[in-house]
Amino acid sequence: MFITAPESIAAVGLLTATNVGLATCLLTEPLETPTLRDRVRAGVLDNYGYPQAVIRVGWAPTSDGQLPRTPRRAVEDVLAPSTVGVAEATAC
């Protein structure tokens, strides 16, 4: 039986860490760089397999206040009014 990268990340990394009260952050961007991907493969995986993601694990802050809301742009700034009628749009 083979297990896919997303299944193993969810089962082993994210869910297990959450169950013991740890915070996680899934990172894939660093592995998009061939040099770093090769270094991780050689240094961590002993040249076996191919790294798909890095999971950052740590303690979440518990004594800090609530984080500020992330500023959002208004919908009108992002989407242009549609020229398609409502009936046509809902029929799709």
N, C-alpha and C. Protein backbone atom coordinates (compact mmCIF):
# COMPACT_ATOMS: atom_id res chain seq x y z
N MET A 1 0.83 -1.18 0.00
CA MET A 1 0.00 0.00 0.00
C MET A 1 0.88 1.24 0.00
N PHE A 2 0.56 2.18 -0.86
CA PHE A 2 1.29 3.43 -0.92
C PHE A 2 0.46 4.52 -0.26
N ILE A 3 1.14 5.43 0.37
CA ILE A 3 0.48 6.57 0.97
C ILE A 3 0.98 7.83 0.27
N THR A 4 0.08 8.74 -0.04
CA THR A 4 0.48 9.93 -0.76
C THR A 4 1.02 10.97 0.22
N ALA A 5 1.75 11.93 -0.33
CA ALA A 5 2.33 12.98 0.51
C ALA A 5 1.27 13.73 1.31
N PRO A 6 0.14 14.15 0.71
CA PRO A 6 -0.85 14.87 1.52
C PRO A 6 -1.42 14.03 2.66
N GLU A 7 -1.63 12.73 2.41
CA GLU A 7 -2.16 11.86 3.47
C GLU A 7 -1.17 11.74 4.63
N SER A 8 0.10 11.55 4.30
CA SER A 8 1.09 11.40 5.37
C SER A 8 1.31 12.70 6.12
N ILE A 9 1.28 13.82 5.41
CA ILE A 9 1.44 15.10 6.07
C ILE A 9 0.30 15.33 7.05
N ALA A 10 -0.92 15.06 6.61
CA ALA A 10 -2.09 15.27 7.48
C ALA A 10 -2.07 14.31 8.66
N ALA A 11 -1.85 13.03 8.40
CA ALA A 11 -1.93 12.03 9.45
C ALA A 11 -0.79 12.12 10.45
N VAL A 12 0.40 12.22 9.96
CA VAL A 12 1.56 12.18 10.84
C VAL A 12 1.92 13.55 11.38
N GLY A 13 2.01 14.51 10.50
CA GLY A 13 2.49 15.82 10.92
C GLY A 13 1.46 16.70 11.57
N LEU A 14 0.48 17.10 10.82
CA LEU A 14 -0.43 18.13 11.29
C LEU A 14 -1.37 17.64 12.40
N LEU A 15 -2.00 16.49 12.22
CA LEU A 15 -2.95 16.02 13.21
C LEU A 15 -2.27 15.58 14.50
N THR A 16 -1.17 14.89 14.40
CA THR A 16 -0.45 14.46 15.59
C THR A 16 0.04 15.66 16.39
N ALA A 17 0.61 16.63 15.73
CA ALA A 17 1.09 17.83 16.43
C ALA A 17 -0.07 18.57 17.10
N THR A 18 -1.19 18.69 16.41
CA THR A 18 -2.34 19.37 16.98
C THR A 18 -2.86 18.61 18.20
N ASN A 19 -2.87 17.30 18.15
CA ASN A 19 -3.34 16.49 19.28
C ASN A 19 -2.52 16.68 20.54
N VAL A 20 -1.26 17.02 20.40
CA VAL A 20 -0.42 17.23 21.59
C VAL A 20 -0.24 18.71 21.89
N GLY A 21 -1.03 19.57 21.24
CA GLY A 21 -1.04 20.99 21.56
C GLY A 21 0.01 21.83 20.86
N LEU A 22 0.56 21.33 19.78
CA LEU A 22 1.56 22.09 19.04
C LEU A 22 0.92 22.79 17.83
N ALA A 23 1.53 23.85 17.41
CA ALA A 23 1.10 24.57 16.21
C ALA A 23 1.98 24.13 15.05
N THR A 24 1.41 24.09 13.85
CA THR A 24 2.17 23.68 12.68
C THR A 24 2.00 24.68 11.55
N CYS A 25 2.98 24.68 10.68
CA CYS A 25 2.93 25.52 9.49
C CYS A 25 3.55 24.72 8.35
N LEU A 26 2.76 24.45 7.33
CA LEU A 26 3.22 23.66 6.19
C LEU A 26 3.90 24.58 5.18
N LEU A 27 5.12 24.24 4.82
CA LEU A 27 5.89 25.05 3.88
C LEU A 27 6.29 24.20 2.68
N THR A 28 5.95 24.66 1.49
CA THR A 28 6.38 23.97 0.28
C THR A 28 7.28 24.85 -0.59
N GLU A 29 7.19 26.15 -0.40
CA GLU A 29 7.94 27.07 -1.26
C GLU A 29 9.45 26.85 -1.23
N PRO A 30 10.05 26.60 -0.05
CA PRO A 30 11.51 26.40 -0.06
C PRO A 30 11.95 25.24 -0.94
N LEU A 31 11.12 24.21 -1.06
CA LEU A 31 11.51 23.04 -1.84
C LEU A 31 11.34 23.25 -3.34
N GLU A 32 10.83 24.41 -3.73
CA GLU A 32 10.75 24.72 -5.16
C GLU A 32 12.10 25.15 -5.73
N THR A 33 13.05 25.41 -4.87
CA THR A 33 14.40 25.76 -5.27
C THR A 33 15.21 24.47 -5.40
N PRO A 34 15.69 24.14 -6.59
CA PRO A 34 16.39 22.86 -6.77
C PRO A 34 17.56 22.65 -5.82
N THR A 35 18.33 23.68 -5.54
CA THR A 35 19.49 23.54 -4.66
C THR A 35 19.07 23.14 -3.26
N LEU A 36 18.08 23.82 -2.71
CA LEU A 36 17.63 23.50 -1.35
C LEU A 36 16.94 22.14 -1.32
N ARG A 37 16.15 21.84 -2.34
CA ARG A 37 15.48 20.53 -2.39
C ARG A 37 16.51 19.40 -2.38
N ASP A 38 17.60 19.57 -3.13
CA ASP A 38 18.66 18.56 -3.15
C ASP A 38 19.36 18.46 -1.81
N ARG A 39 19.56 19.60 -1.14
CA ARG A 39 20.21 19.58 0.19
C ARG A 39 19.33 18.87 1.22
N VAL A 40 18.04 19.11 1.16
CA VAL A 40 17.12 18.43 2.08
C VAL A 40 17.10 16.93 1.78
N ARG A 41 17.07 16.59 0.52
CA ARG A 41 17.05 15.18 0.14
C ARG A 41 18.32 14.47 0.63
N ALA A 42 19.47 15.11 0.47
CA ALA A 42 20.73 14.49 0.89
C ALA A 42 20.91 14.52 2.41
N GLY A 43 20.62 15.66 3.03
CA GLY A 43 20.90 15.81 4.45
C GLY A 43 19.86 15.24 5.39
N VAL A 44 18.60 15.20 4.96
CA VAL A 44 17.53 14.73 5.83
C VAL A 44 17.04 13.34 5.41
N LEU A 45 16.93 13.11 4.12
CA LEU A 45 16.36 11.86 3.62
C LEU A 45 17.41 10.85 3.19
N ASP A 46 18.68 11.14 3.41
CA ASP A 46 19.77 10.24 3.05
C ASP A 46 19.66 9.80 1.58
N ASN A 47 19.34 10.78 0.71
CA ASN A 47 19.18 10.55 -0.73
C ASN A 47 18.12 9.52 -1.08
N TYR A 48 17.13 9.37 -0.21
CA TYR A 48 16.02 8.46 -0.47
C TYR A 48 14.73 9.27 -0.54
N GLY A 49 13.96 9.06 -1.57
CA GLY A 49 12.69 9.77 -1.72
C GLY A 49 12.89 11.20 -2.19
N TYR A 50 11.79 11.90 -2.25
CA TYR A 50 11.81 13.28 -2.74
C TYR A 50 11.01 14.15 -1.78
N PRO A 51 11.64 15.16 -1.21
CA PRO A 51 10.93 16.01 -0.25
C PRO A 51 9.77 16.74 -0.91
N GLN A 52 8.61 16.70 -0.26
CA GLN A 52 7.41 17.35 -0.78
C GLN A 52 7.05 18.60 0.01
N ALA A 53 7.36 18.60 1.30
CA ALA A 53 6.99 19.73 2.15
C ALA A 53 7.85 19.72 3.40
N VAL A 54 7.93 20.87 4.03
CA VAL A 54 8.60 21.01 5.32
C VAL A 54 7.51 21.43 6.30
N ILE A 55 7.49 20.81 7.46
CA ILE A 55 6.51 21.18 8.47
C ILE A 55 7.23 21.88 9.61
N ARG A 56 6.84 23.11 9.86
CA ARG A 56 7.38 23.86 10.99
C ARG A 56 6.49 23.57 12.19
N VAL A 57 7.08 23.12 13.28
CA VAL A 57 6.32 22.73 14.47
C VAL A 57 6.83 23.53 15.66
N GLY A 58 5.91 24.00 16.48
CA GLY A 58 6.31 24.74 17.66
C GLY A 58 5.12 25.01 18.57
N TRP A 59 5.40 25.69 19.66
CA TRP A 59 4.35 26.05 20.60
C TRP A 59 3.67 27.33 20.14
N ALA A 60 2.37 27.32 20.13
CA ALA A 60 1.61 28.52 19.79
C ALA A 60 1.60 29.44 21.00
N PRO A 61 1.70 30.75 20.79
CA PRO A 61 1.65 31.67 21.93
C PRO A 61 0.28 31.59 22.60
N THR A 62 0.30 31.52 23.94
CA THR A 62 -0.96 31.41 24.67
C THR A 62 -1.26 32.65 25.50
N SER A 63 -0.26 33.46 25.78
CA SER A 63 -0.48 34.61 26.65
C SER A 63 -0.68 35.91 25.88
N ASP A 64 -0.46 35.87 24.58
CA ASP A 64 -0.64 37.09 23.79
C ASP A 64 -2.12 37.33 23.53
N GLY A 65 -2.44 38.57 23.25
CA GLY A 65 -3.81 38.91 22.88
C GLY A 65 -4.13 38.40 21.49
N GLN A 66 -5.35 38.67 21.07
CA GLN A 66 -5.79 38.24 19.75
C GLN A 66 -5.00 39.00 18.68
N LEU A 67 -4.66 38.30 17.61
CA LEU A 67 -3.93 38.91 16.51
C LEU A 67 -4.81 39.93 15.81
N PRO A 68 -4.21 41.01 15.29
CA PRO A 68 -5.02 41.99 14.55
C PRO A 68 -5.55 41.38 13.26
N ARG A 69 -6.70 41.86 12.83
CA ARG A 69 -7.28 41.39 11.57
C ARG A 69 -6.40 41.79 10.40
N THR A 70 -6.33 40.92 9.41
CA THR A 70 -5.58 41.21 8.20
C THR A 70 -6.38 42.18 7.34
N PRO A 71 -5.78 43.28 6.91
CA PRO A 71 -6.53 44.22 6.08
C PRO A 71 -6.97 43.55 4.78
N ARG A 72 -8.18 43.84 4.36
CA ARG A 72 -8.72 43.28 3.13
C ARG A 72 -9.14 44.40 2.19
N ARG A 73 -8.98 44.14 0.91
CA ARG A 73 -9.46 45.10 -0.09
C ARG A 73 -10.95 44.93 -0.27
N ALA A 74 -11.62 45.99 -0.66
CA ALA A 74 -13.05 45.93 -0.92
C ALA A 74 -13.30 45.06 -2.15
N VAL A 75 -14.41 44.35 -2.15
CA VAL A 75 -14.76 43.49 -3.27
C VAL A 75 -14.77 44.27 -4.58
N GLU A 76 -15.27 45.50 -4.53
CA GLU A 76 -15.35 46.33 -5.73
C GLU A 76 -13.97 46.64 -6.30
N ASP A 77 -12.95 46.62 -5.46
CA ASP A 77 -11.58 46.87 -5.94
C ASP A 77 -10.98 45.65 -6.64
N VAL A 78 -11.56 44.48 -6.42
CA VAL A 78 -10.99 43.24 -6.93
C VAL A 78 -11.78 42.69 -8.12
N LEU A 79 -13.11 42.75 -8.03
CA LEU A 79 -13.96 42.18 -9.07
C LEU A 79 -14.67 43.28 -9.84
N ALA A 80 -14.70 43.12 -11.15
CA ALA A 80 -15.43 44.06 -12.01
C ALA A 80 -16.88 43.59 -12.10
N PRO A 81 -17.80 44.51 -12.29
CA PRO A 81 -19.20 44.11 -12.46
C PRO A 81 -19.34 43.16 -13.64
N SER A 82 -20.19 42.17 -13.48
CA SER A 82 -20.38 41.17 -14.52
C SER A 82 -21.34 41.67 -15.59
N THR A 83 -21.09 41.26 -16.83
CA THR A 83 -22.01 41.59 -17.91
C THR A 83 -22.98 40.45 -18.17
N VAL A 84 -22.80 39.35 -17.45
CA VAL A 84 -23.68 38.19 -17.59
C VAL A 84 -24.87 38.38 -16.67
N GLY A 85 -26.05 38.04 -17.15
CA GLY A 85 -27.25 38.15 -16.33
C GLY A 85 -27.24 37.16 -15.19
N VAL A 86 -27.99 37.44 -14.15
CA VAL A 86 -28.03 36.57 -12.98
C VAL A 86 -28.55 35.20 -13.35
N ALA A 87 -29.58 35.12 -14.17
CA ALA A 87 -30.13 33.83 -14.57
C ALA A 87 -29.10 33.01 -15.35
N GLU A 88 -28.31 33.67 -16.21
CA GLU A 88 -27.28 32.97 -16.98
C GLU A 88 -26.16 32.48 -16.07
N ALA A 89 -25.80 33.29 -15.07
CA ALA A 89 -24.70 32.93 -14.17
C ALA A 89 -25.08 31.75 -13.29
N THR A 90 -26.32 31.70 -12.83
CA THR A 90 -26.71 30.61 -11.95
C THR A 90 -26.97 29.33 -12.72
N ALA A 91 -27.17 29.41 -14.03
CA ALA A 91 -27.42 28.23 -14.84
C ALA A 91 -26.15 27.44 -15.10
N CYS A 92 -24.97 28.01 -14.89
CA CYS A 92 -23.71 27.35 -15.19
C CYS A 92 -23.41 26.24 -14.23
